[in-house]
Amino acid sequence: MSEPTGKYSITMPRDIAEAAKARSGPSGLSAYVAAAVARQIERDNLNELIQVAEAEHGPVTDEDIQALRDQLHQARRQQTQGGTNAA
């Protein structure tokens, strides 16, 4: 069962509307726009979460991000090596 829908009128630049229509495919412009708005809401929610976390713990540095990326890459390498050795 899908969510109830409503009909809304929005205004946007014509070139953006035409590009969205061209990309929307069989699902249609309304579904394309709804998905874009849903993604934006997710981003807004994540930004709010980041602001709260940074207010409590301080900002995340580029070095912090790189250290976490390094850990992720190392874990992936170990996973791949473990999968290869187990075969």
PDB file of N, CA and C in Angstrom:
ATOM      1  N   MET A   1       0.851  -1.175   0.000  1.00  0.00           N
ATOM      2  CA  MET A   1       0.000   0.000   0.000  1.00  0.00           C
ATOM      3  C   MET A   1       0.897   1.238   0.000  1.00  0.00           C
ATOM      4  N   SER A   2       0.640   2.187  -0.893  1.00  0.00           N
ATOM      5  CA  SER A   2       1.478   3.376  -0.991  1.00  0.00           C
ATOM      6  C   SER A   2       0.940   4.492  -0.094  1.00  0.00           C
ATOM      7  N   GLU A   3       1.807   5.445   0.136  1.00  0.00           N
ATOM      8  CA  GLU A   3       1.442   6.596   0.959  1.00  0.00           C
ATOM      9  C   GLU A   3       0.384   7.429   0.244  1.00  0.00           C
ATOM     10  N   PRO A   4      -0.486   8.090   1.007  1.00  0.00           N
ATOM     11  CA  PRO A   4      -1.443   8.987   0.370  1.00  0.00           C
ATOM     12  C   PRO A   4      -0.686  10.152  -0.284  1.00  0.00           C
ATOM     13  N   THR A   5      -1.225  10.654  -1.361  1.00  0.00           N
ATOM     14  CA  THR A   5      -0.571  11.748  -2.068  1.00  0.00           C
ATOM     15  C   THR A   5      -1.459  12.975  -2.073  1.00  0.00           C
ATOM     16  N   GLY A   6      -0.851  14.093  -2.380  1.00  0.00           N
ATOM     17  CA  GLY A   6      -1.583  15.345  -2.536  1.00  0.00           C
ATOM     18  C   GLY A   6      -1.102  16.010  -3.807  1.00  0.00           C
ATOM     19  N   LYS A   7      -1.866  16.921  -4.292  1.00  0.00           N
ATOM     20  CA  LYS A   7      -1.500  17.634  -5.504  1.00  0.00           C
ATOM     21  C   LYS A   7      -1.018  19.024  -5.100  1.00  0.00           C
ATOM     22  N   TYR A   8       0.173  19.404  -5.598  1.00  0.00           N
ATOM     23  CA  TYR A   8       0.784  20.669  -5.238  1.00  0.00           C
ATOM     24  C   TYR A   8       1.244  21.386  -6.497  1.00  0.00           C
ATOM     25  N   SER A   9       1.250  22.675  -6.435  1.00  0.00           N
ATOM     26  CA  SER A   9       1.765  23.482  -7.530  1.00  0.00           C
ATOM     27  C   SER A   9       3.098  24.065  -7.074  1.00  0.00           C
ATOM     28  N   ILE A  10       4.148  23.863  -7.872  1.00  0.00           N
ATOM     29  CA  ILE A  10       5.455  24.413  -7.541  1.00  0.00           C
ATOM     30  C   ILE A  10       5.958  25.237  -8.721  1.00  0.00           C
ATOM     31  N   THR A  11       6.867  26.121  -8.427  1.00  0.00           N
ATOM     32  CA  THR A  11       7.481  26.941  -9.453  1.00  0.00           C
ATOM     33  C   THR A  11       8.974  26.659  -9.454  1.00  0.00           C
ATOM     34  N   MET A  12       9.524  26.425 -10.641  1.00  0.00           N
ATOM     35  CA  MET A  12      10.963  26.199 -10.761  1.00  0.00           C
ATOM     36  C   MET A  12      11.417  26.711 -12.114  1.00  0.00           C
ATOM     37  N   PRO A  13      12.710  26.935 -12.259  1.00  0.00           N
ATOM     38  CA  PRO A  13      13.210  27.387 -13.562  1.00  0.00           C
ATOM     39  C   PRO A  13      12.857  26.380 -14.659  1.00  0.00           C
ATOM     40  N   ARG A  14      12.484  26.895 -15.811  1.00  0.00           N
ATOM     41  CA  ARG A  14      12.039  26.051 -16.919  1.00  0.00           C
ATOM     42  C   ARG A  14      13.101  25.033 -17.326  1.00  0.00           C
ATOM     43  N   ASP A  15      14.380  25.449 -17.377  1.00  0.00           N
ATOM     44  CA  ASP A  15      15.419  24.516 -17.812  1.00  0.00           C
ATOM     45  C   ASP A  15      15.558  23.334 -16.852  1.00  0.00           C
ATOM     46  N   ILE A  16      15.387  23.589 -15.565  1.00  0.00           N
ATOM     47  CA  ILE A  16      15.454  22.500 -14.581  1.00  0.00           C
ATOM     48  C   ILE A  16      14.252  21.580 -14.751  1.00  0.00           C
ATOM     49  N   ALA A  17      13.072  22.159 -14.948  1.00  0.00           N
ATOM     50  CA  ALA A  17      11.865  21.350 -15.137  1.00  0.00           C
ATOM     51  C   ALA A  17      11.984  20.475 -16.380  1.00  0.00           C
ATOM     52  N   GLU A  18      12.493  21.039 -17.462  1.00  0.00           N
ATOM     53  CA  GLU A  18      12.643  20.268 -18.695  1.00  0.00           C
ATOM     54  C   GLU A  18      13.675  19.155 -18.531  1.00  0.00           C
ATOM     55  N   ALA A  19      14.777  19.438 -17.854  1.00  0.00           N
ATOM     56  CA  ALA A  19      15.787  18.403 -17.617  1.00  0.00           C
ATOM     57  C   ALA A  19      15.209  17.290 -16.746  1.00  0.00           C
ATOM     58  N   ALA A  20      14.422  17.657 -15.741  1.00  0.00           N
ATOM     59  CA  ALA A  20      13.798  16.652 -14.877  1.00  0.00           C
ATOM     60  C   ALA A  20      12.806  15.807 -15.666  1.00  0.00           C
ATOM     61  N   LYS A  21      12.015  16.435 -16.517  1.00  0.00           N
ATOM     62  CA  LYS A  21      11.069  15.686 -17.356  1.00  0.00           C
ATOM     63  C   LYS A  21      11.803  14.700 -18.246  1.00  0.00           C
ATOM     64  N   ALA A  22      12.915  15.147 -18.834  1.00  0.00           N
ATOM     65  CA  ALA A  22      13.676  14.281 -19.735  1.00  0.00           C
ATOM     66  C   ALA A  22      14.267  13.080 -18.997  1.00  0.00           C
ATOM     67  N   ARG A  23      14.595  13.247 -17.727  1.00  0.00           N
ATOM     68  CA  ARG A  23      15.215  12.169 -16.958  1.00  0.00           C
ATOM     69  C   ARG A  23      14.219  11.315 -16.172  1.00  0.00           C
ATOM     70  N   SER A  24      13.003  11.769 -16.069  1.00  0.00           N
ATOM     71  CA  SER A  24      12.059  11.108 -15.163  1.00  0.00           C
ATOM     72  C   SER A  24      11.628   9.727 -15.630  1.00  0.00           C
ATOM     73  N   GLY A  25      11.693   9.471 -16.904  1.00  0.00           N
ATOM     74  CA  GLY A  25      11.363   8.143 -17.411  1.00  0.00           C
ATOM     75  C   GLY A  25       9.920   7.771 -17.169  1.00  0.00           C
ATOM     76  N   PRO A  26       9.638   6.460 -17.153  1.00  0.00           N
ATOM     77  CA  PRO A  26       8.248   5.991 -17.066  1.00  0.00           C
ATOM     78  C   PRO A  26       7.564   6.326 -15.741  1.00  0.00           C
ATOM     79  N   SER A  27       8.337   6.573 -14.687  1.00  0.00           N
ATOM     80  CA  SER A  27       7.705   6.880 -13.399  1.00  0.00           C
ATOM     81  C   SER A  27       7.097   8.272 -13.387  1.00  0.00           C
ATOM     82  N   GLY A  28       7.541   9.147 -14.272  1.00  0.00           N
ATOM     83  CA  GLY A  28       6.954  10.469 -14.405  1.00  0.00           C
ATOM     84  C   GLY A  28       7.628  11.532 -13.568  1.00  0.00           C
ATOM     85  N   LEU A  29       7.325  12.755 -13.918  1.00  0.00           N
ATOM     86  CA  LEU A  29       7.930  13.909 -13.265  1.00  0.00           C
ATOM     87  C   LEU A  29       7.587  13.980 -11.785  1.00  0.00           C
ATOM     88  N   SER A  30       6.365  13.684 -11.418  1.00  0.00           N
ATOM     89  CA  SER A  30       5.977  13.759 -10.005  1.00  0.00           C
ATOM     90  C   SER A  30       6.816  12.824  -9.144  1.00  0.00           C
ATOM     91  N   ALA A  31       7.024  11.588  -9.599  1.00  0.00           N
ATOM     92  CA  ALA A  31       7.836  10.635  -8.836  1.00  0.00           C
ATOM     93  C   ALA A  31       9.291  11.090  -8.765  1.00  0.00           C
ATOM     94  N   TYR A  32       9.784  11.654  -9.866  1.00  0.00           N
ATOM     95  CA  TYR A  32      11.166  12.133  -9.911  1.00  0.00           C
ATOM     96  C   TYR A  32      11.367  13.266  -8.910  1.00  0.00           C
ATOM     97  N   VAL A  33      10.446  14.229  -8.917  1.00  0.00           N
ATOM     98  CA  VAL A  33      10.533  15.362  -7.996  1.00  0.00           C
ATOM     99  C   VAL A  33      10.365  14.892  -6.551  1.00  0.00           C
ATOM    100  N   ALA A  34       9.435  13.970  -6.307  1.00  0.00           N
ATOM    101  CA  ALA A  34       9.228  13.456  -4.951  1.00  0.00           C
ATOM    102  C   ALA A  34      10.497  12.778  -4.425  1.00  0.00           C
ATOM    103  N   ALA A  35      11.176  12.016  -5.290  1.00  0.00           N
ATOM    104  CA  ALA A  35      12.418  11.357  -4.873  1.00  0.00           C
ATOM    105  C   ALA A  35      13.505  12.389  -4.579  1.00  0.00           C
ATOM    106  N   ALA A  36      13.577  13.441  -5.394  1.00  0.00           N
ATOM    107  CA  ALA A  36      14.578  14.486  -5.168  1.00  0.00           C
ATOM    108  C   ALA A  36      14.317  15.214  -3.853  1.00  0.00           C
ATOM    109  N   VAL A  37      13.074  15.505  -3.569  1.00  0.00           N
ATOM    110  CA  VAL A  37      12.728  16.181  -2.316  1.00  0.00           C
ATOM    111  C   VAL A  37      13.014  15.261  -1.129  1.00  0.00           C
ATOM    112  N   ALA A  38      12.710  13.977  -1.259  1.00  0.00           N
ATOM    113  CA  ALA A  38      13.003  13.023  -0.175  1.00  0.00           C
ATOM    114  C   ALA A  38      14.500  12.979   0.108  1.00  0.00           C
ATOM    115  N   ARG A  39      15.332  12.972  -0.960  1.00  0.00           N
ATOM    116  CA  ARG A  39      16.788  12.989  -0.761  1.00  0.00           C
ATOM    117  C   ARG A  39      17.233  14.267  -0.058  1.00  0.00           C
ATOM    118  N   GLN A  40      16.627  15.398  -0.429  1.00  0.00           N
ATOM    119  CA  GLN A  40      16.998  16.655   0.211  1.00  0.00           C
ATOM    120  C   GLN A  40      16.625  16.651   1.687  1.00  0.00           C
ATOM    121  N   ILE A  41      15.472  16.094   2.016  1.00  0.00           N
ATOM    122  CA  ILE A  41      15.063  16.002   3.425  1.00  0.00           C
ATOM    123  C   ILE A  41      16.052  15.131   4.194  1.00  0.00           C
ATOM    124  N   GLU A  42      16.497  14.013   3.595  1.00  0.00           N
ATOM    125  CA  GLU A  42      17.502  13.167   4.244  1.00  0.00           C
ATOM    126  C   GLU A  42      18.781  13.956   4.491  1.00  0.00           C
ATOM    127  N   ARG A  43      19.217  14.728   3.505  1.00  0.00           N
ATOM    128  CA  ARG A  43      20.426  15.551   3.672  1.00  0.00           C
ATOM    129  C   ARG A  43      20.243  16.577   4.777  1.00  0.00           C
ATOM    130  N   ASP A  44      19.086  17.233   4.792  1.00  0.00           N
ATOM    131  CA  ASP A  44      18.814  18.219   5.837  1.00  0.00           C
ATOM    132  C   ASP A  44      18.861  17.572   7.217  1.00  0.00           C
ATOM    133  N   ASN A  45      18.252  16.391   7.348  1.00  0.00           N
ATOM    134  CA  ASN A  45      18.267  15.673   8.627  1.00  0.00           C
ATOM    135  C   ASN A  45      19.692  15.303   9.034  1.00  0.00           C
ATOM    136  N   LEU A  46      20.499  14.841   8.073  1.00  0.00           N
ATOM    137  CA  LEU A  46      21.897  14.504   8.370  1.00  0.00           C
ATOM    138  C   LEU A  46      22.683  15.739   8.780  1.00  0.00           C
ATOM    139  N   ASN A  47      22.452  16.860   8.098  1.00  0.00           N
ATOM    140  CA  ASN A  47      23.144  18.092   8.467  1.00  0.00           C
ATOM    141  C   ASN A  47      22.781  18.530   9.879  1.00  0.00           C
ATOM    142  N   GLU A  48      21.509  18.376  10.252  1.00  0.00           N
ATOM    143  CA  GLU A  48      21.097  18.703  11.613  1.00  0.00           C
ATOM    144  C   GLU A  48      21.791  17.794  12.618  1.00  0.00           C
ATOM    145  N   LEU A  49      21.890  16.510  12.303  1.00  0.00           N
ATOM    146  CA  LEU A  49      22.571  15.563  13.180  1.00  0.00           C
ATOM    147  C   LEU A  49      24.046  15.917  13.326  1.00  0.00           C
ATOM    148  N   ILE A  50      24.684  16.293  12.223  1.00  0.00           N
ATOM    149  CA  ILE A  50      26.093  16.690  12.254  1.00  0.00           C
ATOM    150  C   ILE A  50      26.273  17.924  13.130  1.00  0.00           C
ATOM    151  N   GLN A  51      25.368  18.899  12.992  1.00  0.00           N
ATOM    152  CA  GLN A  51      25.463  20.111  13.803  1.00  0.00           C
ATOM    153  C   GLN A  51      25.362  19.796  15.294  1.00  0.00           C
ATOM    154  N   VAL A  52      24.453  18.912  15.654  1.00  0.00           N
ATOM    155  CA  VAL A  52      24.296  18.525  17.059  1.00  0.00           C
ATOM    156  C   VAL A  52      25.558  17.813  17.552  1.00  0.00           C
ATOM    157  N   ALA A  53      26.066  16.879  16.745  1.00  0.00           N
ATOM    158  CA  ALA A  53      27.257  16.127  17.144  1.00  0.00           C
ATOM    159  C   ALA A  53      28.472  17.042  17.259  1.00  0.00           C
ATOM    160  N   GLU A  54      28.627  17.972  16.308  1.00  0.00           N
ATOM    161  CA  GLU A  54      29.769  18.880  16.365  1.00  0.00           C
ATOM    162  C   GLU A  54      29.652  19.849  17.535  1.00  0.00           C
ATOM    163  N   ALA A  55      28.442  20.245  17.883  1.00  0.00           N
ATOM    164  CA  ALA A  55      28.259  21.121  19.037  1.00  0.00           C
ATOM    165  C   ALA A  55      28.671  20.412  20.323  1.00  0.00           C
ATOM    166  N   GLU A  56      28.423  19.102  20.361  1.00  0.00           N
ATOM    167  CA  GLU A  56      28.750  18.328  21.564  1.00  0.00           C
ATOM    168  C   GLU A  56      30.202  17.873  21.593  1.00  0.00           C
ATOM    169  N   HIS A  57      30.756  17.489  20.429  1.00  0.00           N
ATOM    170  CA  HIS A  57      32.077  16.857  20.386  1.00  0.00           C
ATOM    171  C   HIS A  57      33.127  17.649  19.628  1.00  0.00           C
ATOM    172  N   GLY A  58      32.743  18.748  19.024  1.00  0.00           N
ATOM    173  CA  GLY A  58      33.671  19.529  18.216  1.00  0.00           C
ATOM    174  C   GLY A  58      33.615  19.087  16.762  1.00  0.00           C
ATOM    175  N   PRO A  59      34.174  19.912  15.886  1.00  0.00           N
ATOM    176  CA  PRO A  59      34.114  19.600  14.453  1.00  0.00           C
ATOM    177  C   PRO A  59      34.966  18.388  14.088  1.00  0.00           C
ATOM    178  N   VAL A  60      34.567  17.729  13.012  1.00  0.00           N
ATOM    179  CA  VAL A  60      35.322  16.600  12.483  1.00  0.00           C
ATOM    180  C   VAL A  60      36.374  17.173  11.548  1.00  0.00           C
ATOM    181  N   THR A  61      37.625  16.800  11.763  1.00  0.00           N
ATOM    182  CA  THR A  61      38.712  17.332  10.943  1.00  0.00           C
ATOM    183  C   THR A  61      38.922  16.475   9.702  1.00  0.00           C
ATOM    184  N   ASP A  62      39.643  17.029   8.737  1.00  0.00           N
ATOM    185  CA  ASP A  62      40.002  16.257   7.541  1.00  0.00           C
ATOM    186  C   ASP A  62      40.845  15.040   7.924  1.00  0.00           C
ATOM    187  N   GLU A  63      41.670  15.205   8.951  1.00  0.00           N
ATOM    188  CA  GLU A  63      42.496  14.083   9.413  1.00  0.00           C
ATOM    189  C   GLU A  63      41.628  12.966   9.996  1.00  0.00           C
ATOM    190  N   ASP A  64      40.575  13.329  10.730  1.00  0.00           N
ATOM    191  CA  ASP A  64      39.640  12.336  11.267  1.00  0.00           C
ATOM    192  C   ASP A  64      38.986  11.551  10.131  1.00  0.00           C
ATOM    193  N   ILE A  65      38.553  12.291   9.117  1.00  0.00           N
ATOM    194  CA  ILE A  65      37.891  11.649   7.985  1.00  0.00           C
ATOM    195  C   ILE A  65      38.854  10.707   7.273  1.00  0.00           C
ATOM    196  N   GLN A  66      40.090  11.155   7.041  1.00  0.00           N
ATOM    197  CA  GLN A  66      41.062  10.319   6.356  1.00  0.00           C
ATOM    198  C   GLN A  66      41.395   9.079   7.180  1.00  0.00           C
ATOM    199  N   ALA A  67      41.504   9.214   8.488  1.00  0.00           N
ATOM    200  CA  ALA A  67      41.787   8.060   9.348  1.00  0.00           C
ATOM    201  C   ALA A  67      40.662   7.030   9.250  1.00  0.00           C
ATOM    202  N   LEU A  68      39.427   7.490   9.227  1.00  0.00           N
ATOM    203  CA  LEU A  68      38.296   6.565   9.106  1.00  0.00           C
ATOM    204  C   LEU A  68      38.262   5.911   7.726  1.00  0.00           C
ATOM    205  N   ARG A  69      38.604   6.672   6.690  1.00  0.00           N
ATOM    206  CA  ARG A  69      38.675   6.082   5.342  1.00  0.00           C
ATOM    207  C   ARG A  69      39.760   5.008   5.292  1.00  0.00           C
ATOM    208  N   ASP A  70      40.889   5.301   5.911  1.00  0.00           N
ATOM    209  CA  ASP A  70      41.979   4.314   5.946  1.00  0.00           C
ATOM    210  C   ASP A  70      41.529   3.034   6.652  1.00  0.00           C
ATOM    211  N   GLN A  71      40.812   3.185   7.761  1.00  0.00           N
ATOM    212  CA  GLN A  71      40.303   2.016   8.485  1.00  0.00           C
ATOM    213  C   GLN A  71      39.335   1.218   7.613  1.00  0.00           C
ATOM    214  N   LEU A  72      38.475   1.912   6.897  1.00  0.00           N
ATOM    215  CA  LEU A  72      37.508   1.249   6.022  1.00  0.00           C
ATOM    216  C   LEU A  72      38.222   0.491   4.917  1.00  0.00           C
ATOM    217  N   HIS A  73      39.209   1.125   4.280  1.00  0.00           N
ATOM    218  CA  HIS A  73      39.961   0.450   3.213  1.00  0.00           C
ATOM    219  C   HIS A  73      40.709  -0.768   3.743  1.00  0.00           C
ATOM    220  N   GLN A  74      41.277  -0.644   4.935  1.00  0.00           N
ATOM    221  CA  GLN A  74      41.987  -1.775   5.531  1.00  0.00           C
ATOM    222  C   GLN A  74      41.021  -2.922   5.833  1.00  0.00           C
ATOM    223  N   ALA A  75      39.859  -2.608   6.357  1.00  0.00           N
ATOM    224  CA  ALA A  75      38.861  -3.647   6.648  1.00  0.00           C
ATOM    225  C   ALA A  75      38.405  -4.329   5.367  1.00  0.00           C
ATOM    226  N   ARG A  76      38.241  -3.561   4.299  1.00  0.00           N
ATOM    227  CA  ARG A  76      37.850  -4.156   3.019  1.00  0.00           C
ATOM    228  C   ARG A  76      38.941  -5.064   2.471  1.00  0.00           C
ATOM    229  N   ARG A  77      40.193  -4.624   2.592  1.00  0.00           N
ATOM    230  CA  ARG A  77      41.308  -5.468   2.138  1.00  0.00           C
ATOM    231  C   ARG A  77      41.349  -6.774   2.920  1.00  0.00           C
ATOM    232  N   GLN A  78      41.176  -6.684   4.221  1.00  0.00           N
ATOM    233  CA  GLN A  78      41.185  -7.885   5.064  1.00  0.00           C
ATOM    234  C   GLN A  78      40.029  -8.807   4.699  1.00  0.00           C
ATOM    235  N   GLN A  79      38.881  -8.233   4.427  1.00  0.00           N
ATOM    236  CA  GLN A  79      37.719  -9.027   4.019  1.00  0.00           C
ATOM    237  C   GLN A  79      38.002  -9.752   2.716  1.00  0.00           C
ATOM    238  N   THR A  80      38.569  -9.031   1.767  1.00  0.00           N
ATOM    239  CA  THR A  80      38.875  -9.615   0.456  1.00  0.00           C
ATOM    240  C   THR A  80      39.926 -10.706   0.594  1.00  0.00           C
ATOM    241  N   GLN A  81      40.937 -10.472   1.370  1.00  0.00           N
ATOM    242  CA  GLN A  81      41.987 -11.469   1.579  1.00  0.00           C
ATOM    243  C   GLN A  81      41.440 -12.677   2.314  1.00  0.00           C
ATOM    244  N   GLY A  82      40.581 -12.449   3.283  1.00  0.00           N
ATOM    245  CA  GLY A  82      39.972 -13.549   4.022  1.00  0.00           C
ATOM    246  C   GLY A  82      39.090 -14.403   3.130  1.00  0.00           C
ATOM    247  N   GLY A  83      38.348 -13.737   2.234  1.00  0.00           N
ATOM    248  CA  GLY A  83      37.482 -14.456   1.298  1.00  0.00           C
ATOM    249  C   GLY A  83      38.286 -15.250   0.298  1.00  0.00           C
ATOM    250  N   THR A  84      39.441 -14.723  -0.121  1.00  0.00           N
ATOM    251  CA  THR A  84      40.286 -15.421  -1.088  1.00  0.00           C
ATOM    252  C   THR A  84      40.973 -16.617  -0.440  1.00  0.00           C
ATOM    253  N   ASN A  85      41.436 -16.431   0.792  1.00  0.00           N
ATOM    254  CA  ASN A  85      42.140 -17.517   1.479  1.00  0.00           C
ATOM    255  C   ASN A  85      41.203 -18.649   1.874  1.00  0.00           C
ATOM    256  N   ALA A  86      39.926 -18.341   2.104  1.00  0.00           N
ATOM    257  CA  ALA A  86      38.984 -19.354   2.549  1.00  0.00           C
ATOM    258  C   ALA A  86      38.557 -20.274   1.411  1.00  0.00           C
ATOM    259  N   ALA A  87      38.770 -19.850   0.184  1.00  0.00           N
ATOM    260  CA  ALA A  87      38.308 -20.652  -0.963  1.00  0.00           C
ATOM    261  C   ALA A  87      39.181 -21.821  -1.262  1.00  0.00           C
TER     262      ALA A  87
END
